[in-house]
Amino acid sequence: MSNVQVKEPFVRMVKRDHASMGRKITVRILAVLLALILDALFIFFVTGLNPFAVYGVMFKGTFGSSIRFSWAMRDLVTLLLIRWCFCVSQSVWHRHSK
């Protein structure tokens, strides 16, 4: 007789193989829109700026010229490589810890 409580995870992730491609795309689009809306609320209430103007400046800063776009892609590739190295090191560490 033990009173051991099983702790459930805060977020439970389940692979859904049965979801259609349209549903998967819809969920991703809704996630991006929700993120933009939450970010717009944050921008407005914290800074008092117009979120559409801020998004316009961000878009122009990224796609305003070919030089700016190349800088954005350079930074993106750098961040992706850092993330990839972190994932590889974690998988190697996980394999050797068994």
C-alpha atoms as a PDB file:
ATOM      1  CA  MET A   1       0.000   0.000   0.000  1.00  0.00           C
ATOM      2  CA  SER A   2       1.792   3.037  -1.203  1.00  0.00           C
ATOM      3  CA  ASN A   3       0.431   6.456  -1.927  1.00  0.00           C
ATOM      4  CA  VAL A   4       2.619   7.173  -4.908  1.00  0.00           C
ATOM      5  CA  GLN A   5       1.133   9.824  -7.137  1.00  0.00           C
ATOM      6  CA  VAL A   6       1.888   9.655 -10.809  1.00  0.00           C
ATOM      7  CA  LYS A   7       2.653  13.083 -12.189  1.00  0.00           C
ATOM      8  CA  GLU A   8       1.203  13.765 -15.598  1.00  0.00           C
ATOM      9  CA  PRO A   9       3.185  15.991 -17.964  1.00  0.00           C
ATOM     10  CA  PHE A  10       2.011  19.585 -18.328  1.00  0.00           C
ATOM     11  CA  VAL A  11       1.857  19.222 -22.109  1.00  0.00           C
ATOM     12  CA  ARG A  12       1.195  15.892 -23.731  1.00  0.00           C
ATOM     13  CA  MET A  13       2.326  15.445 -27.310  1.00  0.00           C
ATOM     14  CA  VAL A  14       0.747  12.731 -29.407  1.00  0.00           C
ATOM     15  CA  LYS A  15       1.644  11.768 -32.945  1.00  0.00           C
ATOM     16  CA  ARG A  16      -1.424  11.943 -35.143  1.00  0.00           C
ATOM     17  CA  ASP A  17      -0.893   9.832 -38.215  1.00  0.00           C
ATOM     18  CA  HIS A  18      -4.563   9.859 -39.142  1.00  0.00           C
ATOM     19  CA  ALA A  19      -4.789  13.644 -39.682  1.00  0.00           C
ATOM     20  CA  SER A  20      -5.242  14.723 -43.284  1.00  0.00           C
ATOM     21  CA  MET A  21      -2.759  17.003 -45.015  1.00  0.00           C
ATOM     22  CA  GLY A  22      -5.328  19.801 -45.159  1.00  0.00           C
ATOM     23  CA  ARG A  23      -5.846  19.630 -41.405  1.00  0.00           C
ATOM     24  CA  LYS A  24      -2.094  19.673 -40.771  1.00  0.00           C
ATOM     25  CA  ILE A  25      -1.680  22.764 -42.953  1.00  0.00           C
ATOM     26  CA  THR A  26      -4.656  24.459 -41.295  1.00  0.00           C
ATOM     27  CA  VAL A  27      -3.243  23.855 -37.821  1.00  0.00           C
ATOM     28  CA  ARG A  28       0.114  25.327 -38.810  1.00  0.00           C
ATOM     29  CA  ILE A  29      -1.471  28.404 -40.412  1.00  0.00           C
ATOM     30  CA  LEU A  30      -3.629  28.963 -37.332  1.00  0.00           C
ATOM     31  CA  ALA A  31      -0.558  28.632 -35.099  1.00  0.00           C
ATOM     32  CA  VAL A  32       1.309  31.301 -37.072  1.00  0.00           C
ATOM     33  CA  LEU A  33      -1.720  33.628 -37.050  1.00  0.00           C
ATOM     34  CA  LEU A  34      -2.177  33.168 -33.304  1.00  0.00           C
ATOM     35  CA  ALA A  35       1.508  33.944 -32.752  1.00  0.00           C
ATOM     36  CA  LEU A  36       1.215  37.122 -34.848  1.00  0.00           C
ATOM     37  CA  ILE A  37      -1.891  38.225 -32.954  1.00  0.00           C
ATOM     38  CA  LEU A  38      -0.309  37.603 -29.547  1.00  0.00           C
ATOM     39  CA  ASP A  39       2.837  39.409 -30.644  1.00  0.00           C
ATOM     40  CA  ALA A  40       0.743  42.334 -31.921  1.00  0.00           C
ATOM     41  CA  LEU A  41      -0.997  42.580 -28.556  1.00  0.00           C
ATOM     42  CA  PHE A  42       2.364  42.521 -26.796  1.00  0.00           C
ATOM     43  CA  ILE A  43       3.760  45.217 -29.094  1.00  0.00           C
ATOM     44  CA  PHE A  44       0.721  47.431 -28.601  1.00  0.00           C
ATOM     45  CA  PHE A  45       0.342  47.125 -24.829  1.00  0.00           C
ATOM     46  CA  VAL A  46       4.032  47.171 -23.919  1.00  0.00           C
ATOM     47  CA  THR A  47       5.424  49.721 -26.377  1.00  0.00           C
ATOM     48  CA  GLY A  48       2.288  51.553 -27.477  1.00  0.00           C
ATOM     49  CA  LEU A  49       3.352  51.295 -31.114  1.00  0.00           C
ATOM     50  CA  ASN A  50       1.131  50.304 -34.010  1.00  0.00           C
ATOM     51  CA  PRO A  51       1.781  46.571 -34.588  1.00  0.00           C
ATOM     52  CA  PHE A  52       1.145  46.865 -38.333  1.00  0.00           C
ATOM     53  CA  ALA A  53       3.797  49.584 -38.601  1.00  0.00           C
ATOM     54  CA  VAL A  54       6.235  47.408 -36.643  1.00  0.00           C
ATOM     55  CA  TYR A  55       5.516  44.419 -38.890  1.00  0.00           C
ATOM     56  CA  GLY A  56       6.004  46.661 -41.935  1.00  0.00           C
ATOM     57  CA  VAL A  57       9.413  47.782 -40.683  1.00  0.00           C
ATOM     58  CA  MET A  58      10.372  44.167 -39.966  1.00  0.00           C
ATOM     59  CA  PHE A  59       9.288  43.075 -43.461  1.00  0.00           C
ATOM     60  CA  LYS A  60      11.087  45.985 -45.129  1.00  0.00           C
ATOM     61  CA  GLY A  61      14.185  45.300 -43.030  1.00  0.00           C
ATOM     62  CA  THR A  62      14.269  41.696 -44.194  1.00  0.00           C
ATOM     63  CA  PHE A  63      13.109  41.951 -47.806  1.00  0.00           C
ATOM     64  CA  GLY A  64      13.939  45.620 -48.545  1.00  0.00           C
ATOM     65  CA  SER A  65      16.983  44.839 -50.683  1.00  0.00           C
ATOM     66  CA  SER A  66      19.002  41.875 -51.773  1.00  0.00           C
ATOM     67  CA  ILE A  67      21.761  42.780 -49.298  1.00  0.00           C
ATOM     68  CA  ARG A  68      19.334  42.818 -46.360  1.00  0.00           C
ATOM     69  CA  PHE A  69      17.825  39.527 -47.493  1.00  0.00           C
ATOM     70  CA  SER A  70      21.274  37.936 -47.745  1.00  0.00           C
ATOM     71  CA  TRP A  71      22.064  39.145 -44.189  1.00  0.00           C
ATOM     72  CA  ALA A  72      18.813  37.619 -42.947  1.00  0.00           C
ATOM     73  CA  MET A  73      19.611  34.309 -44.662  1.00  0.00           C
ATOM     74  CA  ARG A  74      23.159  34.379 -43.251  1.00  0.00           C
ATOM     75  CA  ASP A  75      21.766  34.827 -39.748  1.00  0.00           C
ATOM     76  CA  LEU A  76      19.135  32.152 -40.347  1.00  0.00           C
ATOM     77  CA  VAL A  77      21.717  29.619 -41.500  1.00  0.00           C
ATOM     78  CA  THR A  78      23.913  30.441 -38.492  1.00  0.00           C
ATOM     79  CA  LEU A  79      21.041  29.864 -36.068  1.00  0.00           C
ATOM     80  CA  LEU A  80      19.991  26.659 -37.825  1.00  0.00           C
ATOM     81  CA  LEU A  81      23.545  25.295 -37.680  1.00  0.00           C
ATOM     82  CA  ILE A  82      23.794  26.126 -33.969  1.00  0.00           C
ATOM     83  CA  ARG A  83      20.499  24.330 -33.346  1.00  0.00           C
ATOM     84  CA  TRP A  84      21.597  21.348 -35.424  1.00  0.00           C
ATOM     85  CA  CYS A  85      24.878  21.077 -33.476  1.00  0.00           C
ATOM     86  CA  PHE A  86      22.948  21.206 -30.211  1.00  0.00           C
ATOM     87  CA  CYS A  87      20.601  18.426 -31.378  1.00  0.00           C
ATOM     88  CA  VAL A  88      23.493  16.245 -32.524  1.00  0.00           C
ATOM     89  CA  SER A  89      25.347  16.704 -29.244  1.00  0.00           C
ATOM     90  CA  GLN A  90      22.208  15.878 -27.249  1.00  0.00           C
ATOM     91  CA  SER A  91      21.552  12.731 -29.272  1.00  0.00           C
ATOM     92  CA  VAL A  92      25.168  11.574 -28.860  1.00  0.00           C
ATOM     93  CA  TRP A  93      25.029  12.263 -25.135  1.00  0.00           C
ATOM     94  CA  HIS A  94      21.716  10.442 -24.841  1.00  0.00           C
ATOM     95  CA  ARG A  95      23.072   7.397 -26.700  1.00  0.00           C
ATOM     96  CA  HIS A  96      26.173   7.206 -24.506  1.00  0.00           C
ATOM     97  CA  SER A  97      24.258   7.657 -21.266  1.00  0.00           C
ATOM     98  CA  LYS A  98      22.390   4.371 -21.696  1.00  0.00           C
END
